[in-house]
C-alpha atoms as a PDB file:
ATOM      1  CA  MET A   1     -33.606 -14.882   2.553  1.00  0.00           C
ATOM      2  CA  MET A   2     -30.400 -15.106   0.540  1.00  0.00           C
ATOM      3  CA  SER A   3     -28.208 -12.109   0.020  1.00  0.00           C
ATOM      4  CA  SER A   4     -27.813 -10.927  -3.553  1.00  0.00           C
ATOM      5  CA  GLU A   5     -24.319  -9.699  -2.617  1.00  0.00           C
ATOM      6  CA  VAL A   6     -21.702 -11.952  -4.178  1.00  0.00           C
ATOM      7  CA  LYS A   7     -18.433 -12.320  -2.305  1.00  0.00           C
ATOM      8  CA  ARG A   8     -15.956 -10.451  -4.452  1.00  0.00           C
ATOM      9  CA  GLN A   9     -12.594 -12.042  -5.136  1.00  0.00           C
ATOM     10  CA  PHE A  10      -9.167 -10.570  -5.696  1.00  0.00           C
ATOM     11  CA  LEU A  11      -7.130 -11.804  -8.642  1.00  0.00           C
ATOM     12  CA  GLU A  12      -3.814 -13.538  -8.160  1.00  0.00           C
ATOM     13  CA  PHE A  13      -0.715 -11.329  -8.117  1.00  0.00           C
ATOM     14  CA  LYS A  14       2.354 -12.723  -9.832  1.00  0.00           C
ATOM     15  CA  PRO A  15       5.651 -11.896  -8.045  1.00  0.00           C
ATOM     16  CA  VAL A  16       8.023  -9.411  -9.668  1.00  0.00           C
ATOM     17  CA  THR A  17      11.753  -9.127  -8.941  1.00  0.00           C
ATOM     18  CA  PHE A  18      13.825  -6.031  -9.714  1.00  0.00           C
ATOM     19  CA  ARG A  19      17.094  -4.382  -8.730  1.00  0.00           C
ATOM     20  CA  ASP A  20      16.699  -1.314  -6.534  1.00  0.00           C
ATOM     21  CA  ARG A  21      18.916   1.783  -6.835  1.00  0.00           C
ATOM     22  CA  LYS A  22      21.559   0.141  -4.604  1.00  0.00           C
ATOM     23  CA  GLY A  23      21.629  -2.943  -6.820  1.00  0.00           C
ATOM     24  CA  ASP A  24      19.843  -5.203  -4.333  1.00  0.00           C
ATOM     25  CA  GLU A  25      17.350  -7.733  -5.681  1.00  0.00           C
ATOM     26  CA  VAL A  26      13.901  -6.943  -4.290  1.00  0.00           C
ATOM     27  CA  THR A  27      10.830  -9.119  -4.777  1.00  0.00           C
ATOM     28  CA  ILE A  28       7.336  -7.655  -4.828  1.00  0.00           C
ATOM     29  CA  ARG A  29       4.757 -10.307  -4.106  1.00  0.00           C
ATOM     30  CA  GLN A  30       1.303 -10.847  -2.696  1.00  0.00           C
ATOM     31  CA  TYR A  31       1.040 -10.550   1.085  1.00  0.00           C
ATOM     32  CA  HIS A  32      -0.028 -13.806   2.770  1.00  0.00           C
ATOM     33  CA  HIS A  33      -1.478 -12.926   6.158  1.00  0.00           C
ATOM     34  CA  GLU A  34      -0.873 -16.214   7.968  1.00  0.00           C
ATOM     35  CA  GLU A  35       2.771 -16.544   6.865  1.00  0.00           C
ATOM     36  CA  ASP A  36       3.751 -12.846   6.724  1.00  0.00           C
ATOM     37  CA  ARG A  37       1.853 -11.265   9.628  1.00  0.00           C
ATOM     38  CA  GLU A  38       4.630 -11.463  12.228  1.00  0.00           C
ATOM     39  CA  ARG A  39       7.304 -10.139   9.841  1.00  0.00           C
ATOM     40  CA  LEU A  40       5.041  -7.253   8.807  1.00  0.00           C
ATOM     41  CA  ILE A  41       4.355  -6.398  12.456  1.00  0.00           C
ATOM     42  CA  SER A  42       8.134  -6.394  13.031  1.00  0.00           C
ATOM     43  CA  MET A  43       8.643  -4.004  10.118  1.00  0.00           C
ATOM     44  CA  TYR A  44       6.083  -1.601  11.537  1.00  0.00           C
ATOM     45  CA  GLU A  45       7.353  -1.921  15.120  1.00  0.00           C
ATOM     46  CA  SER A  46      10.729  -0.579  13.936  1.00  0.00           C
ATOM     47  CA  PHE A  47       9.138   2.173  11.847  1.00  0.00           C
ATOM     48  CA  SER A  48      10.482   5.643  12.634  1.00  0.00           C
ATOM     49  CA  PRO A  49       7.937   8.106  14.114  1.00  0.00           C
ATOM     50  CA  ASP A  50       9.268  10.628  11.544  1.00  0.00           C
ATOM     51  CA  ASN A  51       7.947   8.411   8.745  1.00  0.00           C
ATOM     52  CA  ARG A  52       4.421   8.083  10.088  1.00  0.00           C
ATOM     53  CA  CYS A  53       1.722   9.833   8.077  1.00  0.00           C
ATOM     54  CA  LEU A  54      -1.676  10.811   9.490  1.00  0.00           C
ATOM     55  CA  GLY A  55      -1.191   8.431  12.419  1.00  0.00           C
ATOM     56  CA  LEU A  56      -0.219   5.463  10.250  1.00  0.00           C
ATOM     57  CA  PRO A  57       1.297   3.051  10.731  1.00  0.00           C
ATOM     58  CA  PRO A  58       0.133   2.842  14.348  1.00  0.00           C
ATOM     59  CA  SER A  59       2.877   2.973  16.971  1.00  0.00           C
ATOM     60  CA  THR A  60       1.931   0.250  19.485  1.00  0.00           C
ATOM     61  CA  ARG A  61       2.066  -3.480  18.795  1.00  0.00           C
ATOM     62  CA  ILE A  62      -1.625  -4.048  19.575  1.00  0.00           C
ATOM     63  CA  ALA A  63      -2.660  -1.175  17.300  1.00  0.00           C
ATOM     64  CA  ILE A  64      -0.359  -2.457  14.537  1.00  0.00           C
ATOM     65  CA  GLU A  65      -1.863  -5.955  14.895  1.00  0.00           C
ATOM     66  CA  ASN A  66      -5.435  -4.611  14.741  1.00  0.00           C
ATOM     67  CA  TRP A  67      -4.642  -2.437  11.722  1.00  0.00           C
ATOM     68  CA  ILE A  68      -2.877  -5.226   9.802  1.00  0.00           C
ATOM     69  CA  ASP A  69      -5.679  -7.694  10.605  1.00  0.00           C
ATOM     70  CA  TYR A  70      -8.285  -5.161   9.383  1.00  0.00           C
ATOM     71  CA  LEU A  71      -6.366  -4.597   6.130  1.00  0.00           C
ATOM     72  CA  ALA A  72      -5.957  -8.353   5.561  1.00  0.00           C
ATOM     73  CA  GLU A  73      -9.666  -8.937   6.134  1.00  0.00           C
ATOM     74  CA  ASN A  74     -10.884  -6.077   3.936  1.00  0.00           C
ATOM     75  CA  GLY A  75      -8.214  -5.440   1.336  1.00  0.00           C
ATOM     76  CA  PHE A  76      -5.475  -6.785  -0.871  1.00  0.00           C
ATOM     77  CA  ALA A  77      -1.783  -6.222  -0.134  1.00  0.00           C
ATOM     78  CA  ILE A  78       1.586  -6.649  -1.734  1.00  0.00           C
ATOM     79  CA  VAL A  79       4.931  -6.526   0.042  1.00  0.00           C
ATOM     80  CA  ALA A  80       8.519  -5.752  -0.918  1.00  0.00           C
ATOM     81  CA  GLU A  81      10.919  -8.386   0.363  1.00  0.00           C
ATOM     82  CA  LEU A  82      14.708  -8.307   0.512  1.00  0.00           C
ATOM     83  CA  GLY A  83      16.720 -11.196   1.900  1.00  0.00           C
ATOM     84  CA  GLY A  84      13.665 -12.700   3.617  1.00  0.00           C
ATOM     85  CA  LYS A  85      12.837  -9.397   5.328  1.00  0.00           C
ATOM     86  CA  LEU A  86       9.688  -7.377   4.595  1.00  0.00           C
ATOM     87  CA  ILE A  87      10.733  -3.796   3.805  1.00  0.00           C
ATOM     88  CA  GLY A  88       7.612  -2.370   2.140  1.00  0.00           C
ATOM     89  CA  HIS A  89       3.857  -2.807   2.269  1.00  0.00           C
ATOM     90  CA  CYS A  90       1.173  -1.530  -0.093  1.00  0.00           C
ATOM     91  CA  VAL A  91      -2.524  -2.234   0.361  1.00  0.00           C
ATOM     92  CA  ILE A  92      -5.773  -1.354  -1.388  1.00  0.00           C
ATOM     93  CA  VAL A  93      -9.154  -1.525   0.321  1.00  0.00           C
ATOM     94  CA  PRO A  94     -12.196  -1.413  -1.965  1.00  0.00           C
ATOM     95  CA  THR A  95     -15.131   0.889  -1.320  1.00  0.00           C
ATOM     96  CA  ALA A  96     -18.419  -0.809  -0.399  1.00  0.00           C
ATOM     97  CA  ASP A  97     -19.527  -0.836  -4.071  1.00  0.00           C
ATOM     98  CA  TRP A  98     -16.127  -2.137  -5.294  1.00  0.00           C
ATOM     99  CA  LYS A  99     -15.785   0.775  -7.732  1.00  0.00           C
ATOM    100  CA  LYS A 100     -12.752   2.472  -6.168  1.00  0.00           C
ATOM    101  CA  VAL A 101      -9.999   1.610  -3.703  1.00  0.00           C
ATOM    102  CA  ASP A 102      -8.248   3.409  -0.867  1.00  0.00           C
ATOM    103  CA  LEU A 103      -4.475   3.024  -0.974  1.00  0.00           C
ATOM    104  CA  SER A 104      -1.866   2.933   1.772  1.00  0.00           C
ATOM    105  CA  ILE A 105       1.840   2.461   1.114  1.00  0.00           C
ATOM    106  CA  PHE A 106       4.840   2.379   3.440  1.00  0.00           C
ATOM    107  CA  VAL A 107       8.510   1.615   2.878  1.00  0.00           C
ATOM    108  CA  HIS A 108      10.723   1.120   5.930  1.00  0.00           C
ATOM    109  CA  GLN A 109      12.990   4.144   6.440  1.00  0.00           C
ATOM    110  CA  ASP A 110      16.155   2.030   6.019  1.00  0.00           C
ATOM    111  CA  TYR A 111      15.104   1.236   2.433  1.00  0.00           C
ATOM    112  CA  GLN A 112      13.716   4.554   1.189  1.00  0.00           C
ATOM    113  CA  ASP A 113      15.092   6.478  -1.809  1.00  0.00           C
ATOM    114  CA  ARG A 114      15.872   3.211  -3.602  1.00  0.00           C
ATOM    115  CA  GLY A 115      12.871   3.066  -5.982  1.00  0.00           C
ATOM    116  CA  ILE A 116      11.052   0.466  -3.887  1.00  0.00           C
ATOM    117  CA  GLY A 117       8.022   2.671  -3.155  1.00  0.00           C
ATOM    118  CA  GLN A 118       7.681   3.559  -6.832  1.00  0.00           C
ATOM    119  CA  ALA A 119       7.909  -0.115  -7.784  1.00  0.00           C
ATOM    120  CA  LEU A 120       5.210  -1.019  -5.225  1.00  0.00           C
ATOM    121  CA  LEU A 121       3.000   1.844  -6.414  1.00  0.00           C
ATOM    122  CA  GLY A 122       3.373   0.903 -10.080  1.00  0.00           C
ATOM    123  CA  GLN A 123       2.526  -2.721  -9.348  1.00  0.00           C
ATOM    124  CA  ILE A 124      -0.573  -1.902  -7.277  1.00  0.00           C
ATOM    125  CA  ILE A 125      -1.837   0.563  -9.914  1.00  0.00           C
ATOM    126  CA  ASP A 126      -1.493  -2.112 -12.619  1.00  0.00           C
ATOM    127  CA  TYR A 127      -3.214  -4.614 -10.332  1.00  0.00           C
ATOM    128  CA  ALA A 128      -6.133  -2.232  -9.590  1.00  0.00           C
ATOM    129  CA  LYS A 129      -6.569  -1.704 -13.345  1.00  0.00           C
ATOM    130  CA  ARG A 130      -6.646  -5.483 -13.924  1.00  0.00           C
ATOM    131  CA  MET A 131      -9.266  -5.759 -11.187  1.00  0.00           C
ATOM    132  CA  GLY A 132     -11.423  -3.231 -13.056  1.00  0.00           C
ATOM    133  CA  PHE A 133     -11.546  -0.512 -10.374  1.00  0.00           C
ATOM    134  CA  ASP A 134     -12.475   2.990 -11.568  1.00  0.00           C
ATOM    135  CA  GLY A 135      -9.907   4.807  -9.467  1.00  0.00           C
ATOM    136  CA  ILE A 136      -7.526   4.925  -6.527  1.00  0.00           C
ATOM    137  CA  MET A 137      -7.897   7.311  -3.593  1.00  0.00           C
ATOM    138  CA  LEU A 138      -5.297   8.209  -0.989  1.00  0.00           C
ATOM    139  CA  VAL A 139      -4.660  10.796   1.686  1.00  0.00           C
ATOM    140  CA  THR A 140      -1.261  12.210   2.580  1.00  0.00           C
ATOM    141  CA  GLU A 141       0.089  15.082   4.627  1.00  0.00           C
ATOM    142  CA  ARG A 142       0.553  18.386   2.805  1.00  0.00           C
ATOM    143  CA  ASP A 143       4.220  18.600   3.793  1.00  0.00           C
ATOM    144  CA  ASN A 144       5.050  15.066   2.605  1.00  0.00           C
ATOM    145  CA  HIS A 145       6.580  16.622  -0.516  1.00  0.00           C
ATOM    146  CA  ARG A 146       8.492  13.516  -1.604  1.00  0.00           C
ATOM    147  CA  ALA A 147       5.357  11.344  -1.558  1.00  0.00           C
ATOM    148  CA  VAL A 148       3.206  14.004  -3.248  1.00  0.00           C
ATOM    149  CA  HIS A 149       5.837  14.291  -6.002  1.00  0.00           C
ATOM    150  CA  VAL A 150       5.820  10.519  -6.578  1.00  0.00           C
ATOM    151  CA  TYR A 151       2.016  10.318  -6.575  1.00  0.00           C
ATOM    152  CA  LYS A 152       1.803  13.167  -9.123  1.00  0.00           C
ATOM    153  CA  LYS A 153       4.411  11.403 -11.274  1.00  0.00           C
ATOM    154  CA  PHE A 154       2.045   8.412 -11.430  1.00  0.00           C
ATOM    155  CA  GLY A 155      -0.891  10.651 -12.415  1.00  0.00           C
ATOM    156  CA  PHE A 156      -2.614  11.266  -9.067  1.00  0.00           C
ATOM    157  CA  ARG A 157      -4.311  14.640  -8.737  1.00  0.00           C
ATOM    158  CA  ILE A 158      -4.999  16.608  -5.583  1.00  0.00           C
ATOM    159  CA  VAL A 159      -8.791  16.674  -5.278  1.00  0.00           C
ATOM    160  CA  ASN A 160      -9.117  18.235  -1.829  1.00  0.00           C
ATOM    161  CA  PRO A 161      -6.292  20.377  -0.427  1.00  0.00           C
ATOM    162  CA  GLU A 162      -8.008  21.371   2.841  1.00  0.00           C
ATOM    163  CA  HIS A 163      -5.942  20.083   5.782  1.00  0.00           C
ATOM    164  CA  GLU A 164      -4.102  17.214   4.154  1.00  0.00           C
ATOM    165  CA  PHE A 165      -4.077  16.223   0.499  1.00  0.00           C
ATOM    166  CA  ASP A 166      -6.808  13.919  -0.762  1.00  0.00           C
ATOM    167  CA  MET A 167      -5.471  12.558  -4.049  1.00  0.00           C
ATOM    168  CA  TYR A 168      -7.132  10.532  -6.780  1.00  0.00           C
ATOM    169  CA  LEU A 169      -5.986   8.524  -9.782  1.00  0.00           C
ATOM    170  CA  GLN A 170      -8.599   7.847 -12.477  1.00  0.00           C
ATOM    171  CA  LEU A 171      -8.055   4.346 -13.868  1.00  0.00           C
ATOM    172  CA  ARG A 172     -10.658   4.343 -16.662  1.00  0.00           C
END
């Protein structure tokens, strides 16, 4: 018996280059798992424990590898690259019905406060709209005031303020 489920495809993402707040040229492009995996693992291995949110990114190499492999298998990611080094990572993972996506975004601590996270977020929101998703969901810690501020600036609303903040952006 053949499955009626059609394998869903992600659209191509065209690279974007911009100057960050320090004047450095940063490229945002589609993540390519085979070519980029080791550099992304390296970024996360040097991630400060102070910048982890809700246990992500994981702290051990094997956990980072498993997490990145899961995201590559189930989602779509873009990365911020500066001088050949990956400095940011943003990924969406569709729900089972492909109506909404869960979002995760991280910028290495050495490159924060330079507009890179906002650029990644803007690009992934535009991409999710092009893909036809209804909305974007994310979870962040209540005391991550800087991130909450940025998410609200992009139109995310807090939909569940229990222990952490569940936030949602309606796309249509």
